[in-house]
């Protein structure tokens, strides 16, 4: 495929959607799988259930109760004819302390083996609550360790899933080629929660869950 195309060989797109105070936001992840092209709806629904359940179980205990994790979608992202599977979660966050602004987030740093900024992906998790702050500029250390363990659990769930005999591998996807890196993907080898709160504007998905 030419650089700039949004689809890529062996690629699956994973999307986690929310309602409540994060109802215009989504977390997007990618995975590679040799069986991705032409995956059936049954295959994709099963992946959405596996990954979505891991997200709800591992991540949502560290999210404000004002946010609900609504759905997980998994799409065959190898070409424009790929199907999309889904799984309804409707899992509210567990934290009921003081509310933080909806643009506050927990920043997850993803690591690959590439030694430049493009090799370090980011995930912006929905806000927790004020009890998880040690100061105005620092998350509690135990909370940071717990969220790190949670995101590693989700990546393990992705890497343990399969289509038939073909295992998935969680990937950082470079959607558009540029002078630094070509379009393609790299394996995520580690992920950690940042001790400093982040901010992320809420993004409207322009074309349903496929934006």
C-alpha atoms as a PDB file:
ATOM      1  CA  UNK A   1       0.000   0.000   0.000  1.00  0.00           C
ATOM      2  CA  UNK A   2       1.115   3.552  -0.628  1.00  0.00           C
ATOM      3  CA  UNK A   3       2.208   5.745   2.258  1.00  0.00           C
ATOM      4  CA  UNK A   4      -0.751   7.678   3.599  1.00  0.00           C
ATOM      5  CA  UNK A   5      -3.267   4.852   3.199  1.00  0.00           C
ATOM      6  CA  UNK A   6      -4.977   4.165   6.498  1.00  0.00           C
ATOM      7  CA  UNK A   7      -5.137   0.401   6.009  1.00  0.00           C
ATOM      8  CA  UNK A   8      -2.170  -1.975   6.208  1.00  0.00           C
ATOM      9  CA  UNK A   9      -1.418  -5.669   5.805  1.00  0.00           C
ATOM     10  CA  UNK A  10      -2.182  -7.964   8.753  1.00  0.00           C
ATOM     11  CA  UNK A  11      -3.548  -5.023  10.781  1.00  0.00           C
ATOM     12  CA  UNK A  12      -6.416  -5.012  13.281  1.00  0.00           C
ATOM     13  CA  UNK A  13      -7.836  -1.826  14.785  1.00  0.00           C
ATOM     14  CA  UNK A  14      -9.112  -1.941  18.372  1.00  0.00           C
ATOM     15  CA  UNK A  15     -11.355   0.811  19.682  1.00  0.00           C
ATOM     16  CA  UNK A  16     -12.661   1.336  23.207  1.00  0.00           C
ATOM     17  CA  UNK A  17     -15.553   3.821  23.450  1.00  0.00           C
ATOM     18  CA  UNK A  18     -17.033   5.670  26.405  1.00  0.00           C
ATOM     19  CA  UNK A  19     -20.199   7.402  27.554  1.00  0.00           C
ATOM     20  CA  UNK A  20     -20.648   9.847  30.407  1.00  0.00           C
ATOM     21  CA  UNK A  21     -18.065  12.584  30.787  1.00  0.00           C
ATOM     22  CA  UNK A  22     -15.874  11.020  28.062  1.00  0.00           C
ATOM     23  CA  UNK A  23     -18.641  10.417  25.546  1.00  0.00           C
ATOM     24  CA  UNK A  24     -16.739  11.921  22.596  1.00  0.00           C
ATOM     25  CA  UNK A  25     -13.483  10.093  23.347  1.00  0.00           C
ATOM     26  CA  UNK A  26     -12.090   6.708  22.430  1.00  0.00           C
ATOM     27  CA  UNK A  27      -8.923   4.758  23.060  1.00  0.00           C
ATOM     28  CA  UNK A  28      -7.438   3.322  19.868  1.00  0.00           C
ATOM     29  CA  UNK A  29      -4.985   0.426  19.804  1.00  0.00           C
ATOM     30  CA  UNK A  30      -3.676  -1.793  17.022  1.00  0.00           C
ATOM     31  CA  UNK A  31      -2.551  -5.375  16.659  1.00  0.00           C
ATOM     32  CA  UNK A  32      -1.008  -7.427  13.882  1.00  0.00           C
ATOM     33  CA  UNK A  33      -2.183 -10.910  12.993  1.00  0.00           C
ATOM     34  CA  UNK A  34      -1.473 -13.093   9.967  1.00  0.00           C
ATOM     35  CA  UNK A  35      -5.150 -14.086   9.955  1.00  0.00           C
ATOM     36  CA  UNK A  36      -6.460 -10.515   9.983  1.00  0.00           C
ATOM     37  CA  UNK A  37      -7.283 -10.231   6.281  1.00  0.00           C
ATOM     38  CA  UNK A  38     -10.750 -11.600   5.650  1.00  0.00           C
ATOM     39  CA  UNK A  39     -11.437 -12.259   9.334  1.00  0.00           C
ATOM     40  CA  UNK A  40     -15.038 -13.317   9.881  1.00  0.00           C
ATOM     41  CA  UNK A  41     -17.545 -11.435  11.998  1.00  0.00           C
ATOM     42  CA  UNK A  42     -17.448 -14.309  14.483  1.00  0.00           C
ATOM     43  CA  UNK A  43     -13.652 -13.992  14.736  1.00  0.00           C
ATOM     44  CA  UNK A  44     -13.822 -10.255  15.305  1.00  0.00           C
ATOM     45  CA  UNK A  45     -16.690 -10.451  17.805  1.00  0.00           C
ATOM     46  CA  UNK A  46     -14.691 -12.975  19.833  1.00  0.00           C
ATOM     47  CA  UNK A  47     -11.644 -10.707  19.832  1.00  0.00           C
ATOM     48  CA  UNK A  48     -13.780  -7.731  20.869  1.00  0.00           C
ATOM     49  CA  UNK A  49     -15.147  -9.743  23.795  1.00  0.00           C
ATOM     50  CA  UNK A  50     -11.699 -10.910  24.928  1.00  0.00           C
ATOM     51  CA  UNK A  51     -10.001  -7.517  24.662  1.00  0.00           C
ATOM     52  CA  UNK A  52     -12.993  -5.515  25.863  1.00  0.00           C
ATOM     53  CA  UNK A  53     -13.431  -7.712  28.921  1.00  0.00           C
ATOM     54  CA  UNK A  54      -9.747  -7.279  29.773  1.00  0.00           C
ATOM     55  CA  UNK A  55     -10.098  -3.509  29.426  1.00  0.00           C
ATOM     56  CA  UNK A  56     -13.188  -3.375  31.628  1.00  0.00           C
ATOM     57  CA  UNK A  57     -11.614  -5.651  34.240  1.00  0.00           C
ATOM     58  CA  UNK A  58      -8.127  -4.134  34.314  1.00  0.00           C
ATOM     59  CA  UNK A  59      -8.575  -0.439  33.444  1.00  0.00           C
ATOM     60  CA  UNK A  60     -12.001   0.654  34.676  1.00  0.00           C
ATOM     61  CA  UNK A  61     -11.246   0.187  38.421  1.00  0.00           C
ATOM     62  CA  UNK A  62      -8.870   3.157  37.986  1.00  0.00           C
ATOM     63  CA  UNK A  63     -11.358   5.422  36.187  1.00  0.00           C
ATOM     64  CA  UNK A  64     -13.938   7.833  37.599  1.00  0.00           C
ATOM     65  CA  UNK A  65     -17.469   6.501  38.095  1.00  0.00           C
ATOM     66  CA  UNK A  66     -18.625   9.400  35.904  1.00  0.00           C
ATOM     67  CA  UNK A  67     -17.213   7.522  32.890  1.00  0.00           C
ATOM     68  CA  UNK A  68     -18.626   4.312  31.413  1.00  0.00           C
ATOM     69  CA  UNK A  69     -16.676   2.045  29.083  1.00  0.00           C
ATOM     70  CA  UNK A  70     -19.379   1.307  26.552  1.00  0.00           C
ATOM     71  CA  UNK A  71     -18.093  -0.901  23.707  1.00  0.00           C
ATOM     72  CA  UNK A  72     -15.070  -2.594  22.237  1.00  0.00           C
ATOM     73  CA  UNK A  73     -14.799  -2.730  18.452  1.00  0.00           C
ATOM     74  CA  UNK A  74     -12.235  -4.795  16.541  1.00  0.00           C
ATOM     75  CA  UNK A  75     -11.892  -4.171  12.802  1.00  0.00           C
ATOM     76  CA  UNK A  76     -10.103  -5.952   9.983  1.00  0.00           C
ATOM     77  CA  UNK A  77      -7.957  -2.958   9.001  1.00  0.00           C
ATOM     78  CA  UNK A  78      -6.217  -4.647   6.075  1.00  0.00           C
ATOM     79  CA  UNK A  79      -8.432  -2.982   3.485  1.00  0.00           C
ATOM     80  CA  UNK A  80     -11.676  -1.051   3.085  1.00  0.00           C
ATOM     81  CA  UNK A  81     -13.735  -4.257   2.777  1.00  0.00           C
ATOM     82  CA  UNK A  82     -12.799  -5.530   6.246  1.00  0.00           C
ATOM     83  CA  UNK A  83     -15.533  -6.295   8.763  1.00  0.00           C
ATOM     84  CA  UNK A  84     -15.941  -4.932  12.296  1.00  0.00           C
ATOM     85  CA  UNK A  85     -16.781  -6.995  15.352  1.00  0.00           C
ATOM     86  CA  UNK A  86     -18.128  -5.558  18.592  1.00  0.00           C
ATOM     87  CA  UNK A  87     -18.827  -6.372  22.216  1.00  0.00           C
ATOM     88  CA  UNK A  88     -21.036  -4.394  24.607  1.00  0.00           C
ATOM     89  CA  UNK A  89     -19.333  -3.673  27.924  1.00  0.00           C
ATOM     90  CA  UNK A  90     -21.339  -0.954  29.736  1.00  0.00           C
ATOM     91  CA  UNK A  91     -18.758  -0.989  32.550  1.00  0.00           C
ATOM     92  CA  UNK A  92     -18.668   2.121  34.733  1.00  0.00           C
ATOM     93  CA  UNK A  93     -15.503   3.297  36.411  1.00  0.00           C
ATOM     94  CA  UNK A  94     -15.055   2.455  40.088  1.00  0.00           C
ATOM     95  CA  UNK A  95     -13.668   5.683  41.573  1.00  0.00           C
ATOM     96  CA  UNK A  96     -16.166   7.850  43.451  1.00  0.00           C
ATOM     97  CA  UNK A  97     -13.916  10.524  44.985  1.00  0.00           C
ATOM     98  CA  UNK A  98     -13.758  14.176  43.995  1.00  0.00           C
ATOM     99  CA  UNK A  99     -14.178  14.820  40.281  1.00  0.00           C
ATOM    100  CA  UNK A 100     -11.349  15.965  38.043  1.00  0.00           C
ATOM    101  CA  UNK A 101     -11.895  17.940  34.813  1.00  0.00           C
ATOM    102  CA  UNK A 102     -12.800  15.624  31.949  1.00  0.00           C
ATOM    103  CA  UNK A 103      -9.696  16.600  29.948  1.00  0.00           C
ATOM    104  CA  UNK A 104      -7.400  15.289  32.707  1.00  0.00           C
ATOM    105  CA  UNK A 105      -6.034  11.853  31.877  1.00  0.00           C
ATOM    106  CA  UNK A 106      -3.547   9.207  32.887  1.00  0.00           C
ATOM    107  CA  UNK A 107      -0.831   9.119  30.255  1.00  0.00           C
ATOM    108  CA  UNK A 108       0.460   5.699  29.225  1.00  0.00           C
ATOM    109  CA  UNK A 109       3.845   5.594  27.499  1.00  0.00           C
ATOM    110  CA  UNK A 110       4.293   2.714  25.052  1.00  0.00           C
ATOM    111  CA  UNK A 111       7.793   1.531  24.185  1.00  0.00           C
ATOM    112  CA  UNK A 112       9.097  -0.106  21.013  1.00  0.00           C
ATOM    113  CA  UNK A 113      12.650  -0.898  19.985  1.00  0.00           C
ATOM    114  CA  UNK A 114      12.849   2.204  17.789  1.00  0.00           C
ATOM    115  CA  UNK A 115      15.057   4.897  19.339  1.00  0.00           C
ATOM    116  CA  UNK A 116      13.269   8.112  18.393  1.00  0.00           C
ATOM    117  CA  UNK A 117      10.102   9.896  19.421  1.00  0.00           C
ATOM    118  CA  UNK A 118       8.006   8.046  16.856  1.00  0.00           C
ATOM    119  CA  UNK A 119       8.844   4.799  18.647  1.00  0.00           C
ATOM    120  CA  UNK A 120       7.099   5.937  21.815  1.00  0.00           C
ATOM    121  CA  UNK A 121       3.336   5.773  21.512  1.00  0.00           C
ATOM    122  CA  UNK A 122       0.849   7.189  23.998  1.00  0.00           C
ATOM    123  CA  UNK A 123      -2.524   6.188  25.388  1.00  0.00           C
ATOM    124  CA  UNK A 124      -4.663   8.746  27.221  1.00  0.00           C
ATOM    125  CA  UNK A 125      -6.847   6.978  29.774  1.00  0.00           C
ATOM    126  CA  UNK A 126      -9.970   8.730  31.133  1.00  0.00           C
ATOM    127  CA  UNK A 127      -9.658  10.672  34.370  1.00  0.00           C
ATOM    128  CA  UNK A 128      -9.546   8.958  37.786  1.00  0.00           C
ATOM    129  CA  UNK A 129     -10.524  11.080  40.823  1.00  0.00           C
ATOM    130  CA  UNK A 130      -8.821  13.504  43.201  1.00  0.00           C
ATOM    131  CA  UNK A 131      -7.919  10.786  45.719  1.00  0.00           C
ATOM    132  CA  UNK A 132      -5.273   9.512  43.278  1.00  0.00           C
ATOM    133  CA  UNK A 133      -3.297  12.777  43.401  1.00  0.00           C
ATOM    134  CA  UNK A 134      -0.366  13.178  45.785  1.00  0.00           C
ATOM    135  CA  UNK A 135       0.057  16.804  44.681  1.00  0.00           C
ATOM    136  CA  UNK A 136      -1.584  18.902  41.966  1.00  0.00           C
ATOM    137  CA  UNK A 137       1.139  17.663  39.611  1.00  0.00           C
ATOM    138  CA  UNK A 138       1.700  14.053  40.656  1.00  0.00           C
ATOM    139  CA  UNK A 139      -0.316  10.856  40.783  1.00  0.00           C
ATOM    140  CA  UNK A 140       0.036   8.647  43.849  1.00  0.00           C
ATOM    141  CA  UNK A 141       2.895   6.166  43.358  1.00  0.00           C
ATOM    142  CA  UNK A 142       0.824   3.107  44.211  1.00  0.00           C
ATOM    143  CA  UNK A 143      -1.838   4.244  41.737  1.00  0.00           C
ATOM    144  CA  UNK A 144       0.800   4.638  39.005  1.00  0.00           C
ATOM    145  CA  UNK A 145       2.090   1.115  39.637  1.00  0.00           C
ATOM    146  CA  UNK A 146      -1.448  -0.285  39.586  1.00  0.00           C
ATOM    147  CA  UNK A 147      -2.327   1.399  36.285  1.00  0.00           C
ATOM    148  CA  UNK A 148       0.941   0.163  34.776  1.00  0.00           C
ATOM    149  CA  UNK A 149       0.022  -3.379  35.800  1.00  0.00           C
ATOM    150  CA  UNK A 150      -3.464  -2.837  34.340  1.00  0.00           C
ATOM    151  CA  UNK A 151      -2.294  -1.725  30.902  1.00  0.00           C
ATOM    152  CA  UNK A 152       0.239  -4.559  30.812  1.00  0.00           C
ATOM    153  CA  UNK A 153      -2.677  -6.894  31.549  1.00  0.00           C
ATOM    154  CA  UNK A 154      -4.569  -5.546  28.541  1.00  0.00           C
ATOM    155  CA  UNK A 155      -1.526  -5.936  26.282  1.00  0.00           C
ATOM    156  CA  UNK A 156      -1.120  -9.497  27.547  1.00  0.00           C
ATOM    157  CA  UNK A 157      -4.762 -10.161  26.663  1.00  0.00           C
ATOM    158  CA  UNK A 158      -4.180  -8.844  23.143  1.00  0.00           C
ATOM    159  CA  UNK A 159      -1.002 -10.886  22.730  1.00  0.00           C
ATOM    160  CA  UNK A 160      -2.764 -13.990  24.021  1.00  0.00           C
ATOM    161  CA  UNK A 161      -5.689 -13.700  21.589  1.00  0.00           C
ATOM    162  CA  UNK A 162      -5.789 -15.322  18.181  1.00  0.00           C
ATOM    163  CA  UNK A 163      -7.651 -15.801  14.934  1.00  0.00           C
ATOM    164  CA  UNK A 164      -7.540 -19.526  14.389  1.00  0.00           C
ATOM    165  CA  UNK A 165      -3.915 -20.538  14.978  1.00  0.00           C
ATOM    166  CA  UNK A 166      -2.575 -17.017  14.353  1.00  0.00           C
ATOM    167  CA  UNK A 167      -1.707 -15.025  17.469  1.00  0.00           C
ATOM    168  CA  UNK A 168      -2.161 -11.268  17.770  1.00  0.00           C
ATOM    169  CA  UNK A 169       0.712  -8.935  18.647  1.00  0.00           C
ATOM    170  CA  UNK A 170       0.012  -5.496  20.128  1.00  0.00           C
ATOM    171  CA  UNK A 171       1.526  -2.873  17.840  1.00  0.00           C
ATOM    172  CA  UNK A 172       2.290   0.809  17.582  1.00  0.00           C
ATOM    173  CA  UNK A 173       0.965   1.794  14.138  1.00  0.00           C
ATOM    174  CA  UNK A 174       2.592   4.554  12.102  1.00  0.00           C
ATOM    175  CA  UNK A 175      -0.392   5.490   9.989  1.00  0.00           C
ATOM    176  CA  UNK A 176       1.298   7.995   7.665  1.00  0.00           C
ATOM    177  CA  UNK A 177       4.811   7.556   6.343  1.00  0.00           C
ATOM    178  CA  UNK A 178       7.219  10.473   6.726  1.00  0.00           C
ATOM    179  CA  UNK A 179      10.940  11.249   6.506  1.00  0.00           C
ATOM    180  CA  UNK A 180      11.615   9.620   9.879  1.00  0.00           C
ATOM    181  CA  UNK A 181       9.611   6.415   9.663  1.00  0.00           C
ATOM    182  CA  UNK A 182       7.709   4.577   6.941  1.00  0.00           C
ATOM    183  CA  UNK A 183       4.080   3.598   7.276  1.00  0.00           C
ATOM    184  CA  UNK A 184       3.898   0.368   9.224  1.00  0.00           C
ATOM    185  CA  UNK A 185       3.864  -1.003  12.733  1.00  0.00           C
ATOM    186  CA  UNK A 186       6.236  -2.027  15.508  1.00  0.00           C
ATOM    187  CA  UNK A 187       5.725  -4.356  18.426  1.00  0.00           C
ATOM    188  CA  UNK A 188       4.995  -2.726  21.779  1.00  0.00           C
ATOM    189  CA  UNK A 189       7.569  -4.190  24.165  1.00  0.00           C
ATOM    190  CA  UNK A 190       6.618  -2.264  27.323  1.00  0.00           C
ATOM    191  CA  UNK A 191       4.059   0.213  28.655  1.00  0.00           C
ATOM    192  CA  UNK A 192       4.095   2.336  31.802  1.00  0.00           C
ATOM    193  CA  UNK A 193       1.833   4.907  33.423  1.00  0.00           C
ATOM    194  CA  UNK A 194       3.325   8.399  33.756  1.00  0.00           C
ATOM    195  CA  UNK A 195       3.449   9.871  37.267  1.00  0.00           C
ATOM    196  CA  UNK A 196       2.497  13.320  35.942  1.00  0.00           C
ATOM    197  CA  UNK A 197      -1.183  13.923  35.019  1.00  0.00           C
ATOM    198  CA  UNK A 198      -1.785  14.599  31.358  1.00  0.00           C
ATOM    199  CA  UNK A 199      -4.447  16.471  29.451  1.00  0.00           C
ATOM    200  CA  UNK A 200      -6.216  15.512  26.269  1.00  0.00           C
ATOM    201  CA  UNK A 201      -8.988  17.317  24.489  1.00  0.00           C
ATOM    202  CA  UNK A 202     -12.057  15.205  23.853  1.00  0.00           C
ATOM    203  CA  UNK A 203     -12.137  14.201  20.209  1.00  0.00           C
ATOM    204  CA  UNK A 204     -15.325  13.675  18.237  1.00  0.00           C
ATOM    205  CA  UNK A 205     -15.258  10.512  16.117  1.00  0.00           C
ATOM    206  CA  UNK A 206     -16.101  11.756  12.659  1.00  0.00           C
ATOM    207  CA  UNK A 207     -17.266   8.512  11.066  1.00  0.00           C
ATOM    208  CA  UNK A 208     -18.835   6.337  13.725  1.00  0.00           C
ATOM    209  CA  UNK A 209     -16.300   4.081  15.371  1.00  0.00           C
ATOM    210  CA  UNK A 210     -13.980   3.956  12.360  1.00  0.00           C
ATOM    211  CA  UNK A 211     -12.499   7.477  12.533  1.00  0.00           C
END
